[in-house]
Amino acid sequence: MLLAGYELLAARLEFDPETPRLRPRRTKSPSPSPMADAAEMDALLAHLNAAFLSIGYAHPHTVESMVRSWREVFARAGLHRREAAMIRGLAQQVLWSAQYLPEEVRPELD
């Protein structure tokens, strides 16, 4: 998940030789897909929240701050609807797979 988030951000940035900084990459796409709206981003983050808890990537007392950080990353990346849907699909697959974890490796959610 972390790598996917990094790749999304990196794909949107390019190095500016005039300043030692990264800047948003200019796309030459004639008709980019629409940007994900607030409701789509909220649904995406809710899915990530559940996925993170299901595999023990986050704990109940830390998941809110972690999801808040992911929200900031995605806001900087400026996700399109298709990209948000792809990440939701990944989170859904994590949730589906987590139900088949053996009992001895399932995270405690207390």
PDB file of N, CA and C in Angstrom:
ATOM      1  N   MET A   1       0.826  -1.186   0.000  1.00  0.00           N
ATOM      2  CA  MET A   1       0.000   0.000   0.000  1.00  0.00           C
ATOM      3  C   MET A   1       0.875   1.257   0.000  1.00  0.00           C
ATOM      4  N   LEU A   2       1.905   1.239   0.828  1.00  0.00           N
ATOM      5  CA  LEU A   2       2.779   2.403   0.896  1.00  0.00           C
ATOM      6  C   LEU A   2       3.468   2.639  -0.445  1.00  0.00           C
ATOM      7  N   LEU A   3       3.935   1.575  -1.050  1.00  0.00           N
ATOM      8  CA  LEU A   3       4.597   1.694  -2.347  1.00  0.00           C
ATOM      9  C   LEU A   3       3.631   2.221  -3.407  1.00  0.00           C
ATOM     10  N   ALA A   4       2.401   1.741  -3.373  1.00  0.00           N
ATOM     11  CA  ALA A   4       1.405   2.212  -4.341  1.00  0.00           C
ATOM     12  C   ALA A   4       1.164   3.708  -4.169  1.00  0.00           C
ATOM     13  N   GLY A   5       1.059   4.155  -2.928  1.00  0.00           N
ATOM     14  CA  GLY A   5       0.871   5.580  -2.667  1.00  0.00           C
ATOM     15  C   GLY A   5       2.055   6.405  -3.148  1.00  0.00           C
ATOM     16  N   TYR A   6       3.259   5.899  -2.896  1.00  0.00           N
ATOM     17  CA  TYR A   6       4.459   6.596  -3.357  1.00  0.00           C
ATOM     18  C   TYR A   6       4.484   6.691  -4.874  1.00  0.00           C
ATOM     19  N   GLU A   7       4.179   5.599  -5.542  1.00  0.00           N
ATOM     20  CA  GLU A   7       4.200   5.588  -7.004  1.00  0.00           C
ATOM     21  C   GLU A   7       3.171   6.562  -7.585  1.00  0.00           C
ATOM     22  N   LEU A   8       2.010   6.645  -6.945  1.00  0.00           N
ATOM     23  CA  LEU A   8       1.009   7.611  -7.406  1.00  0.00           C
ATOM     24  C   LEU A   8       1.537   9.036  -7.298  1.00  0.00           C
ATOM     25  N   LEU A   9       2.162   9.334  -6.188  1.00  0.00           N
ATOM     26  CA  LEU A   9       2.704  10.672  -5.994  1.00  0.00           C
ATOM     27  C   LEU A   9       3.852  10.939  -6.962  1.00  0.00           C
ATOM     28  N   ALA A  10       4.768   9.996  -7.084  1.00  0.00           N
ATOM     29  CA  ALA A  10       5.927  10.179  -7.957  1.00  0.00           C
ATOM     30  C   ALA A  10       5.509  10.341  -9.415  1.00  0.00           C
ATOM     31  N   ALA A  11       4.463   9.659  -9.823  1.00  0.00           N
ATOM     32  CA  ALA A  11       4.001   9.759 -11.204  1.00  0.00           C
ATOM     33  C   ALA A  11       3.483  11.155 -11.523  1.00  0.00           C
ATOM     34  N   ARG A  12       3.086  11.894 -10.527  1.00  0.00           N
ATOM     35  CA  ARG A  12       2.548  13.236 -10.724  1.00  0.00           C
ATOM     36  C   ARG A  12       3.624  14.321 -10.647  1.00  0.00           C
ATOM     37  N   LEU A  13       4.864  13.926 -10.306  1.00  0.00           N
ATOM     38  CA  LEU A  13       5.913  14.920 -10.111  1.00  0.00           C
ATOM     39  C   LEU A  13       7.032  14.759 -11.130  1.00  0.00           C
ATOM     40  N   GLU A  14       7.727  15.849 -11.403  1.00  0.00           N
ATOM     41  CA  GLU A  14       8.921  15.802 -12.246  1.00  0.00           C
ATOM     42  C   GLU A  14       9.949  16.752 -11.648  1.00  0.00           C
ATOM     43  N   PHE A  15      11.219  16.494 -11.907  1.00  0.00           N
ATOM     44  CA  PHE A  15      12.288  17.333 -11.385  1.00  0.00           C
ATOM     45  C   PHE A  15      12.385  18.606 -12.205  1.00  0.00           C
ATOM     46  N   ASP A  16      12.468  19.740 -11.528  1.00  0.00           N
ATOM     47  CA  ASP A  16      12.626  21.033 -12.188  1.00  0.00           C
ATOM     48  C   ASP A  16      14.102  21.419 -12.091  1.00  0.00           C
ATOM     49  N   PRO A  17      14.844  21.414 -13.217  1.00  0.00           N
ATOM     50  CA  PRO A  17      16.278  21.708 -13.148  1.00  0.00           C
ATOM     51  C   PRO A  17      16.586  23.141 -12.712  1.00  0.00           C
ATOM     52  N   GLU A  18      15.640  24.056 -12.869  1.00  0.00           N
ATOM     53  CA  GLU A  18      15.881  25.445 -12.476  1.00  0.00           C
ATOM     54  C   GLU A  18      15.843  25.628 -10.967  1.00  0.00           C
ATOM     55  N   THR A  19      15.092  24.813 -10.303  1.00  0.00           N
ATOM     56  CA  THR A  19      15.048  24.833  -8.840  1.00  0.00           C
ATOM     57  C   THR A  19      15.249  23.399  -8.377  1.00  0.00           C
ATOM     58  N   PRO A  20      15.896  23.193  -7.269  1.00  0.00           N
ATOM     59  CA  PRO A  20      16.118  21.812  -6.814  1.00  0.00           C
ATOM     60  C   PRO A  20      14.872  21.215  -6.163  1.00  0.00           C
ATOM     61  N   ARG A  21      13.774  21.259  -6.898  1.00  0.00           N
ATOM     62  CA  ARG A  21      12.510  20.778  -6.340  1.00  0.00           C
ATOM     63  C   ARG A  21      11.755  19.951  -7.351  1.00  0.00           C
ATOM     64  N   LEU A  22      10.812  19.221  -6.815  1.00  0.00           N
ATOM     65  CA  LEU A  22       9.885  18.497  -7.676  1.00  0.00           C
ATOM     66  C   LEU A  22       8.665  19.366  -7.892  1.00  0.00           C
ATOM     67  N   ARG A  23       8.075  19.286  -9.054  1.00  0.00           N
ATOM     68  CA  ARG A  23       6.862  20.047  -9.342  1.00  0.00           C
ATOM     69  C   ARG A  23       5.861  19.121 -10.014  1.00  0.00           C
ATOM     70  N   PRO A  24       4.593  19.491 -10.002  1.00  0.00           N
ATOM     71  CA  PRO A  24       3.598  18.638 -10.659  1.00  0.00           C
ATOM     72  C   PRO A  24       3.943  18.447 -12.136  1.00  0.00           C
ATOM     73  N   ARG A  25       3.814  17.218 -12.586  1.00  0.00           N
ATOM     74  CA  ARG A  25       4.075  16.888 -13.986  1.00  0.00           C
ATOM     75  C   ARG A  25       2.928  17.412 -14.840  1.00  0.00           C
ATOM     76  N   ARG A  26       3.255  17.963 -15.964  1.00  0.00           N
ATOM     77  CA  ARG A  26       2.226  18.437 -16.894  1.00  0.00           C
ATOM     78  C   ARG A  26       1.810  17.280 -17.773  1.00  0.00           C
ATOM     79  N   THR A  27       0.539  17.021 -17.791  1.00  0.00           N
ATOM     80  CA  THR A  27       0.047  15.934 -18.631  1.00  0.00           C
ATOM     81  C   THR A  27      -0.387  16.493 -19.973  1.00  0.00           C
ATOM     82  N   LYS A  28      -0.211  15.706 -21.003  1.00  0.00           N
ATOM     83  CA  LYS A  28      -0.602  16.124 -22.342  1.00  0.00           C
ATOM     84  C   LYS A  28      -1.847  15.385 -22.797  1.00  0.00           C
ATOM     85  N   SER A  29      -2.517  14.783 -21.849  1.00  0.00           N
ATOM     86  CA  SER A  29      -3.732  14.043 -22.164  1.00  0.00           C
ATOM     87  C   SER A  29      -4.812  15.022 -22.624  1.00  0.00           C
ATOM     88  N   PRO A  30      -5.438  14.772 -23.779  1.00  0.00           N
ATOM     89  CA  PRO A  30      -6.451  15.700 -24.276  1.00  0.00           C
ATOM     90  C   PRO A  30      -7.698  15.757 -23.399  1.00  0.00           C
ATOM     91  N   SER A  31      -8.059  14.659 -22.800  1.00  0.00           N
ATOM     92  CA  SER A  31      -9.257  14.651 -21.960  1.00  0.00           C
ATOM     93  C   SER A  31      -9.005  13.783 -20.732  1.00  0.00           C
ATOM     94  N   PRO A  32      -8.352  14.353 -19.711  1.00  0.00           N
ATOM     95  CA  PRO A  32      -8.087  13.567 -18.513  1.00  0.00           C
ATOM     96  C   PRO A  32      -9.394  13.185 -17.824  1.00  0.00           C
ATOM     97  N   SER A  33      -9.357  12.068 -17.132  1.00  0.00           N
ATOM     98  CA  SER A  33     -10.555  11.660 -16.409  1.00  0.00           C
ATOM     99  C   SER A  33     -10.825  12.667 -15.297  1.00  0.00           C
ATOM    100  N   PRO A  34     -12.081  12.787 -14.886  1.00  0.00           N
ATOM    101  CA  PRO A  34     -12.418  13.762 -13.843  1.00  0.00           C
ATOM    102  C   PRO A  34     -11.710  13.437 -12.525  1.00  0.00           C
ATOM    103  N   MET A  35     -11.491  14.465 -11.759  1.00  0.00           N
ATOM    104  CA  MET A  35     -10.861  14.290 -10.452  1.00  0.00           C
ATOM    105  C   MET A  35     -11.844  13.617  -9.497  1.00  0.00           C
ATOM    106  N   ALA A  36     -11.297  12.850  -8.569  1.00  0.00           N
ATOM    107  CA  ALA A  36     -12.128  12.224  -7.541  1.00  0.00           C
ATOM    108  C   ALA A  36     -12.703  13.326  -6.654  1.00  0.00           C
ATOM    109  N   ASP A  37     -13.995  13.234  -6.362  1.00  0.00           N
ATOM    110  CA  ASP A  37     -14.610  14.254  -5.512  1.00  0.00           C
ATOM    111  C   ASP A  37     -14.484  13.854  -4.042  1.00  0.00           C
ATOM    112  N   ALA A  38     -14.974  14.712  -3.162  1.00  0.00           N
ATOM    113  CA  ALA A  38     -14.832  14.493  -1.720  1.00  0.00           C
ATOM    114  C   ALA A  38     -15.499  13.201  -1.274  1.00  0.00           C
ATOM    115  N   ALA A  39     -16.671  12.890  -1.817  1.00  0.00           N
ATOM    116  CA  ALA A  39     -17.371  11.657  -1.430  1.00  0.00           C
ATOM    117  C   ALA A  39     -16.572  10.427  -1.849  1.00  0.00           C
ATOM    118  N   GLU A  40     -15.989  10.472  -3.040  1.00  0.00           N
ATOM    119  CA  GLU A  40     -15.175   9.338  -3.503  1.00  0.00           C
ATOM    120  C   GLU A  40     -13.921   9.178  -2.648  1.00  0.00           C
ATOM    121  N   MET A  41     -13.315  10.288  -2.267  1.00  0.00           N
ATOM    122  CA  MET A  41     -12.128  10.217  -1.415  1.00  0.00           C
ATOM    123  C   MET A  41     -12.482   9.710  -0.023  1.00  0.00           C
ATOM    124  N   ASP A  42     -13.627  10.134   0.512  1.00  0.00           N
ATOM    125  CA  ASP A  42     -14.062   9.633   1.820  1.00  0.00           C
ATOM    126  C   ASP A  42     -14.300   8.130   1.769  1.00  0.00           C
ATOM    127  N   ALA A  43     -14.932   7.657   0.701  1.00  0.00           N
ATOM    128  CA  ALA A  43     -15.179   6.220   0.552  1.00  0.00           C
ATOM    129  C   ALA A  43     -13.864   5.461   0.413  1.00  0.00           C
ATOM    130  N   LEU A  44     -12.925   6.008  -0.339  1.00  0.00           N
ATOM    131  CA  LEU A  44     -11.612   5.386  -0.498  1.00  0.00           C
ATOM    132  C   LEU A  44     -10.916   5.268   0.849  1.00  0.00           C
ATOM    133  N   LEU A  45     -10.919   6.343   1.618  1.00  0.00           N
ATOM    134  CA  LEU A  45     -10.232   6.335   2.904  1.00  0.00           C
ATOM    135  C   LEU A  45     -10.918   5.414   3.911  1.00  0.00           C
ATOM    136  N   ALA A  46     -12.233   5.304   3.852  1.00  0.00           N
ATOM    137  CA  ALA A  46     -12.938   4.351   4.718  1.00  0.00           C
ATOM    138  C   ALA A  46     -12.534   2.923   4.370  1.00  0.00           C
ATOM    139  N   HIS A  47     -12.403   2.645   3.078  1.00  0.00           N
ATOM    140  CA  HIS A  47     -11.961   1.321   2.633  1.00  0.00           C
ATOM    141  C   HIS A  47     -10.537   1.044   3.122  1.00  0.00           C
ATOM    142  N   LEU A  48      -9.646   2.032   2.991  1.00  0.00           N
ATOM    143  CA  LEU A  48      -8.274   1.858   3.467  1.00  0.00           C
ATOM    144  C   LEU A  48      -8.239   1.640   4.972  1.00  0.00           C
ATOM    145  N   ASN A  49      -9.055   2.390   5.705  1.00  0.00           N
ATOM    146  CA  ASN A  49      -9.141   2.237   7.151  1.00  0.00           C
ATOM    147  C   ASN A  49      -9.445   0.785   7.504  1.00  0.00           C
ATOM    148  N   ALA A  50     -10.471   0.229   6.896  1.00  0.00           N
ATOM    149  CA  ALA A  50     -10.864  -1.158   7.175  1.00  0.00           C
ATOM    150  C   ALA A  50      -9.774  -2.135   6.747  1.00  0.00           C
ATOM    151  N   ALA A  51      -9.166  -1.896   5.589  1.00  0.00           N
ATOM    152  CA  ALA A  51      -8.114  -2.792   5.099  1.00  0.00           C
ATOM    153  C   ALA A  51      -6.905  -2.767   6.027  1.00  0.00           C
ATOM    154  N   PHE A  52      -6.496  -1.574   6.454  1.00  0.00           N
ATOM    155  CA  PHE A  52      -5.348  -1.461   7.347  1.00  0.00           C
ATOM    156  C   PHE A  52      -5.582  -2.214   8.650  1.00  0.00           C
ATOM    157  N   LEU A  53      -6.779  -2.083   9.205  1.00  0.00           N
ATOM    158  CA  LEU A  53      -7.102  -2.791  10.442  1.00  0.00           C
ATOM    159  C   LEU A  53      -7.150  -4.300  10.227  1.00  0.00           C
ATOM    160  N   SER A  54      -7.667  -4.734   9.089  1.00  0.00           N
ATOM    161  CA  SER A  54      -7.862  -6.169   8.849  1.00  0.00           C
ATOM    162  C   SER A  54      -6.563  -6.949   8.767  1.00  0.00           C
ATOM    163  N   ILE A  55      -5.473  -6.285   8.384  1.00  0.00           N
ATOM    164  CA  ILE A  55      -4.198  -6.997   8.260  1.00  0.00           C
ATOM    165  C   ILE A  55      -3.185  -6.583   9.322  1.00  0.00           C
ATOM    166  N   GLY A  56      -3.600  -5.725  10.249  1.00  0.00           N
ATOM    167  CA  GLY A  56      -2.700  -5.311  11.312  1.00  0.00           C
ATOM    168  C   GLY A  56      -1.703  -4.244  10.903  1.00  0.00           C
ATOM    169  N   TYR A  57      -1.901  -3.616   9.759  1.00  0.00           N
ATOM    170  CA  TYR A  57      -1.017  -2.535   9.315  1.00  0.00           C
ATOM    171  C   TYR A  57      -1.185  -1.318  10.218  1.00  0.00           C
ATOM    172  N   ALA A  58      -2.382  -1.156  10.740  1.00  0.00           N
ATOM    173  CA  ALA A  58      -2.669  -0.096  11.705  1.00  0.00           C
ATOM    174  C   ALA A  58      -3.426  -0.724  12.867  1.00  0.00           C
ATOM    175  N   HIS A  59      -3.432  -0.027  13.961  1.00  0.00           N
ATOM    176  CA  HIS A  59      -4.154  -0.477  15.151  1.00  0.00           C
ATOM    177  C   HIS A  59      -5.290   0.508  15.413  1.00  0.00           C
ATOM    178  N   PRO A  60      -6.319   0.075  16.142  1.00  0.00           N
ATOM    179  CA  PRO A  60      -7.467   0.957  16.365  1.00  0.00           C
ATOM    180  C   PRO A  60      -7.096   2.338  16.919  1.00  0.00           C
ATOM    181  N   HIS A  61      -6.067   2.400  17.761  1.00  0.00           N
ATOM    182  CA  HIS A  61      -5.698   3.691  18.347  1.00  0.00           C
ATOM    183  C   HIS A  61      -4.808   4.539  17.432  1.00  0.00           C
ATOM    184  N   THR A  62      -4.314   3.989  16.316  1.00  0.00           N
ATOM    185  CA  THR A  62      -3.448   4.758  15.409  1.00  0.00           C
ATOM    186  C   THR A  62      -4.033   4.936  14.014  1.00  0.00           C
ATOM    187  N   VAL A  63      -5.094   4.212  13.708  1.00  0.00           N
ATOM    188  CA  VAL A  63      -5.576   4.193  12.327  1.00  0.00           C
ATOM    189  C   VAL A  63      -6.068   5.560  11.854  1.00  0.00           C
ATOM    190  N   GLU A  64      -6.678   6.338  12.727  1.00  0.00           N
ATOM    191  CA  GLU A  64      -7.192   7.646  12.292  1.00  0.00           C
ATOM    192  C   GLU A  64      -6.076   8.578  11.837  1.00  0.00           C
ATOM    193  N   SER A  65      -4.984   8.626  12.599  1.00  0.00           N
ATOM    194  CA  SER A  65      -3.883   9.509  12.190  1.00  0.00           C
ATOM    195  C   SER A  65      -3.211   8.983  10.928  1.00  0.00           C
ATOM    196  N   MET A  66      -3.147   7.659  10.772  1.00  0.00           N
ATOM    197  CA  MET A  66      -2.553   7.089   9.567  1.00  0.00           C
ATOM    198  C   MET A  66      -3.402   7.425   8.341  1.00  0.00           C
ATOM    199  N   VAL A  67      -4.702   7.277   8.462  1.00  0.00           N
ATOM    200  CA  VAL A  67      -5.594   7.578   7.342  1.00  0.00           C
ATOM    201  C   VAL A  67      -5.559   9.071   7.026  1.00  0.00           C
ATOM    202  N   ARG A  68      -5.422   9.895   8.044  1.00  0.00           N
ATOM    203  CA  ARG A  68      -5.294  11.341   7.817  1.00  0.00           C
ATOM    204  C   ARG A  68      -4.031  11.634   6.985  1.00  0.00           C
ATOM    205  N   SER A  69      -2.952  10.935   7.286  1.00  0.00           N
ATOM    206  CA  SER A  69      -1.720  11.113   6.505  1.00  0.00           C
ATOM    207  C   SER A  69      -1.912  10.665   5.062  1.00  0.00           C
ATOM    208  N   TRP A  70      -2.622   9.550   4.872  1.00  0.00           N
ATOM    209  CA  TRP A  70      -2.899   9.087   3.506  1.00  0.00           C
ATOM    210  C   TRP A  70      -3.758  10.108   2.765  1.00  0.00           C
ATOM    211  N   ARG A  71      -4.706  10.721   3.471  1.00  0.00           N
ATOM    212  CA  ARG A  71      -5.552  11.754   2.854  1.00  0.00           C
ATOM    213  C   ARG A  71      -4.677  12.895   2.328  1.00  0.00           C
ATOM    214  N   GLU A  72      -3.686  13.295   3.112  1.00  0.00           N
ATOM    215  CA  GLU A  72      -2.792  14.371   2.694  1.00  0.00           C
ATOM    216  C   GLU A  72      -1.976  13.964   1.464  1.00  0.00           C
ATOM    217  N   VAL A  73      -1.484  12.726   1.447  1.00  0.00           N
ATOM    218  CA  VAL A  73      -0.721  12.240   0.288  1.00  0.00           C
ATOM    219  C   VAL A  73      -1.588  12.262  -0.963  1.00  0.00           C
ATOM    220  N   PHE A  74      -2.806  11.730  -0.838  1.00  0.00           N
ATOM    221  CA  PHE A  74      -3.697  11.681  -2.001  1.00  0.00           C
ATOM    222  C   PHE A  74      -4.108  13.082  -2.449  1.00  0.00           C
ATOM    223  N   ALA A  75      -4.269  14.007  -1.504  1.00  0.00           N
ATOM    224  CA  ALA A  75      -4.625  15.381  -1.871  1.00  0.00           C
ATOM    225  C   ALA A  75      -3.497  16.029  -2.670  1.00  0.00           C
ATOM    226  N   ARG A  76      -2.257  15.783  -2.254  1.00  0.00           N
ATOM    227  CA  ARG A  76      -1.128  16.330  -3.013  1.00  0.00           C
ATOM    228  C   ARG A  76      -1.034  15.701  -4.393  1.00  0.00           C
ATOM    229  N   ALA A  77      -1.361  14.417  -4.491  1.00  0.00           N
ATOM    230  CA  ALA A  77      -1.285  13.721  -5.782  1.00  0.00           C
ATOM    231  C   ALA A  77      -2.407  14.154  -6.713  1.00  0.00           C
ATOM    232  N   GLY A  78      -3.540  14.570  -6.160  1.00  0.00           N
ATOM    233  CA  GLY A  78      -4.674  14.962  -6.999  1.00  0.00           C
ATOM    234  C   GLY A  78      -5.228  13.780  -7.779  1.00  0.00           C
ATOM    235  N   LEU A  79      -5.826  12.822  -7.073  1.00  0.00           N
ATOM    236  CA  LEU A  79      -6.297  11.596  -7.714  1.00  0.00           C
ATOM    237  C   LEU A  79      -7.475  11.818  -8.652  1.00  0.00           C
ATOM    238  N   HIS A  80      -7.417  11.153  -9.771  1.00  0.00           N
ATOM    239  CA  HIS A  80      -8.549  11.099 -10.686  1.00  0.00           C
ATOM    240  C   HIS A  80      -9.473   9.974 -10.218  1.00  0.00           C
ATOM    241  N   ARG A  81     -10.702   9.986 -10.688  1.00  0.00           N
ATOM    242  CA  ARG A  81     -11.679   8.970 -10.275  1.00  0.00           C
ATOM    243  C   ARG A  81     -11.172   7.558 -10.531  1.00  0.00           C
ATOM    244  N   ARG A  82     -10.573   7.346 -11.688  1.00  0.00           N
ATOM    245  CA  ARG A  82     -10.086   6.010 -12.037  1.00  0.00           C
ATOM    246  C   ARG A  82      -9.001   5.557 -11.055  1.00  0.00           C
ATOM    247  N   GLU A  83      -8.106   6.463 -10.680  1.00  0.00           N
ATOM    248  CA  GLU A  83      -7.042   6.127  -9.735  1.00  0.00           C
ATOM    249  C   GLU A  83      -7.618   5.809  -8.358  1.00  0.00           C
ATOM    250  N   ALA A  84      -8.588   6.607  -7.921  1.00  0.00           N
ATOM    251  CA  ALA A  84      -9.229   6.347  -6.631  1.00  0.00           C
ATOM    252  C   ALA A  84      -9.926   4.991  -6.651  1.00  0.00           C
ATOM    253  N   ALA A  85     -10.572   4.663  -7.753  1.00  0.00           N
ATOM    254  CA  ALA A  85     -11.250   3.368  -7.874  1.00  0.00           C
ATOM    255  C   ALA A  85     -10.245   2.220  -7.848  1.00  0.00           C
ATOM    256  N   MET A  86      -9.086   2.418  -8.459  1.00  0.00           N
ATOM    257  CA  MET A  86      -8.058   1.375  -8.443  1.00  0.00           C
ATOM    258  C   MET A  86      -7.579   1.104  -7.020  1.00  0.00           C
ATOM    259  N   ILE A  87      -7.367   2.161  -6.249  1.00  0.00           N
ATOM    260  CA  ILE A  87      -6.900   1.993  -4.874  1.00  0.00           C
ATOM    261  C   ILE A  87      -7.992   1.358  -4.022  1.00  0.00           C
ATOM    262  N   ARG A  88      -9.242   1.746  -4.252  1.00  0.00           N
ATOM    263  CA  ARG A  88     -10.350   1.100  -3.531  1.00  0.00           C
ATOM    264  C   ARG A  88     -10.409  -0.383  -3.862  1.00  0.00           C
ATOM    265  N   GLY A  89     -10.177  -0.725  -5.123  1.00  0.00           N
ATOM    266  CA  GLY A  89     -10.155  -2.131  -5.514  1.00  0.00           C
ATOM    267  C   GLY A  89      -9.059  -2.893  -4.798  1.00  0.00           C
ATOM    268  N   LEU A  90      -7.901  -2.273  -4.651  1.00  0.00           N
ATOM    269  CA  LEU A  90      -6.806  -2.895  -3.915  1.00  0.00           C
ATOM    270  C   LEU A  90      -7.192  -3.099  -2.454  1.00  0.00           C
ATOM    271  N   ALA A  91      -7.795  -2.081  -1.846  1.00  0.00           N
ATOM    272  CA  ALA A  91      -8.230  -2.199  -0.451  1.00  0.00           C
ATOM    273  C   ALA A  91      -9.284  -3.292  -0.305  1.00  0.00           C
ATOM    274  N   GLN A  92     -10.199  -3.382  -1.265  1.00  0.00           N
ATOM    275  CA  GLN A  92     -11.228  -4.425  -1.224  1.00  0.00           C
ATOM    276  C   GLN A  92     -10.597  -5.810  -1.309  1.00  0.00           C
ATOM    277  N   GLN A  93      -9.579  -5.959  -2.142  1.00  0.00           N
ATOM    278  CA  GLN A  93      -8.899  -7.250  -2.261  1.00  0.00           C
ATOM    279  C   GLN A  93      -8.173  -7.605  -0.967  1.00  0.00           C
ATOM    280  N   VAL A  94      -7.591  -6.606  -0.305  1.00  0.00           N
ATOM    281  CA  VAL A  94      -6.946  -6.837   0.991  1.00  0.00           C
ATOM    282  C   VAL A  94      -7.981  -7.325   1.997  1.00  0.00           C
ATOM    283  N   LEU A  95      -9.145  -6.673   2.040  1.00  0.00           N
ATOM    284  CA  LEU A  95     -10.207  -7.097   2.959  1.00  0.00           C
ATOM    285  C   LEU A  95     -10.655  -8.522   2.666  1.00  0.00           C
ATOM    286  N   TRP A  96     -10.817  -8.837   1.392  1.00  0.00           N
ATOM    287  CA  TRP A  96     -11.248 -10.185   1.011  1.00  0.00           C
ATOM    288  C   TRP A  96     -10.197 -11.207   1.439  1.00  0.00           C
ATOM    289  N   SER A  97      -8.932 -10.913   1.175  1.00  0.00           N
ATOM    290  CA  SER A  97      -7.855 -11.844   1.514  1.00  0.00           C
ATOM    291  C   SER A  97      -7.698 -12.000   3.024  1.00  0.00           C
ATOM    292  N   ALA A  98      -7.916 -10.925   3.762  1.00  0.00           N
ATOM    293  CA  ALA A  98      -7.725 -10.960   5.215  1.00  0.00           C
ATOM    294  C   ALA A  98      -8.674 -11.928   5.897  1.00  0.00           C
ATOM    295  N   GLN A  99      -9.831 -12.159   5.311  1.00  0.00           N
ATOM    296  CA  GLN A  99     -10.776 -13.080   5.948  1.00  0.00           C
ATOM    297  C   GLN A  99     -10.262 -14.518   5.927  1.00  0.00           C
ATOM    298  N   TYR A 100      -9.265 -14.801   5.099  1.00  0.00           N
ATOM    299  CA  TYR A 100      -8.710 -16.148   5.006  1.00  0.00           C
ATOM    300  C   TYR A 100      -7.402 -16.310   5.770  1.00  0.00           C
ATOM    301  N   LEU A 101      -7.010 -15.280   6.529  1.00  0.00           N
ATOM    302  CA  LEU A 101      -5.813 -15.409   7.355  1.00  0.00           C
ATOM    303  C   LEU A 101      -6.053 -16.449   8.438  1.00  0.00           C
ATOM    304  N   PRO A 102      -5.064 -17.287   8.727  1.00  0.00           N
ATOM    305  CA  PRO A 102      -5.227 -18.230   9.837  1.00  0.00           C
ATOM    306  C   PRO A 102      -5.415 -17.469  11.153  1.00  0.00           C
ATOM    307  N   GLU A 103      -6.156 -18.056  12.059  1.00  0.00           N
ATOM    308  CA  GLU A 103      -6.448 -17.409  13.346  1.00  0.00           C
ATOM    309  C   GLU A 103      -5.189 -16.930  14.055  1.00  0.00           C
ATOM    310  N   GLU A 104      -4.123 -17.725  14.000  1.00  0.00           N
ATOM    311  CA  GLU A 104      -2.916 -17.378  14.759  1.00  0.00           C
ATOM    312  C   GLU A 104      -2.187 -16.142  14.223  1.00  0.00           C
ATOM    313  N   VAL A 105      -2.485 -15.709  13.013  1.00  0.00           N
ATOM    314  CA  VAL A 105      -1.822 -14.511  12.488  1.00  0.00           C
ATOM    315  C   VAL A 105      -2.770 -13.329  12.316  1.00  0.00           C
ATOM    316  N   ARG A 106      -4.033 -13.508  12.624  1.00  0.00           N
ATOM    317  CA  ARG A 106      -4.978 -12.390  12.522  1.00  0.00           C
ATOM    318  C   ARG A 106      -4.670 -11.363  13.597  1.00  0.00           C
ATOM    319  N   PRO A 107      -4.748 -10.086  13.242  1.00  0.00           N
ATOM    320  CA  PRO A 107      -4.457  -9.049  14.239  1.00  0.00           C
ATOM    321  C   PRO A 107      -5.554  -8.962  15.290  1.00  0.00           C
ATOM    322  N   GLU A 108      -5.136  -8.600  16.490  1.00  0.00           N
ATOM    323  CA  GLU A 108      -6.093  -8.347  17.570  1.00  0.00           C
ATOM    324  C   GLU A 108      -6.649  -6.948  17.363  1.00  0.00           C
ATOM    325  N   LEU A 109      -7.940  -6.794  17.361  1.00  0.00           N
ATOM    326  CA  LEU A 109      -8.548  -5.492  17.103  1.00  0.00           C
ATOM    327  C   LEU A 109      -9.160  -4.867  18.348  1.00  0.00           C
ATOM    328  N   ASP A 110      -8.639  -5.206  19.494  1.00  0.00           N
ATOM    329  CA  ASP A 110      -9.167  -4.645  20.747  1.00  0.00           C
ATOM    330  C   ASP A 110      -8.638  -3.269  21.011  1.00  0.00           C
TER     331      ASP A 110
END
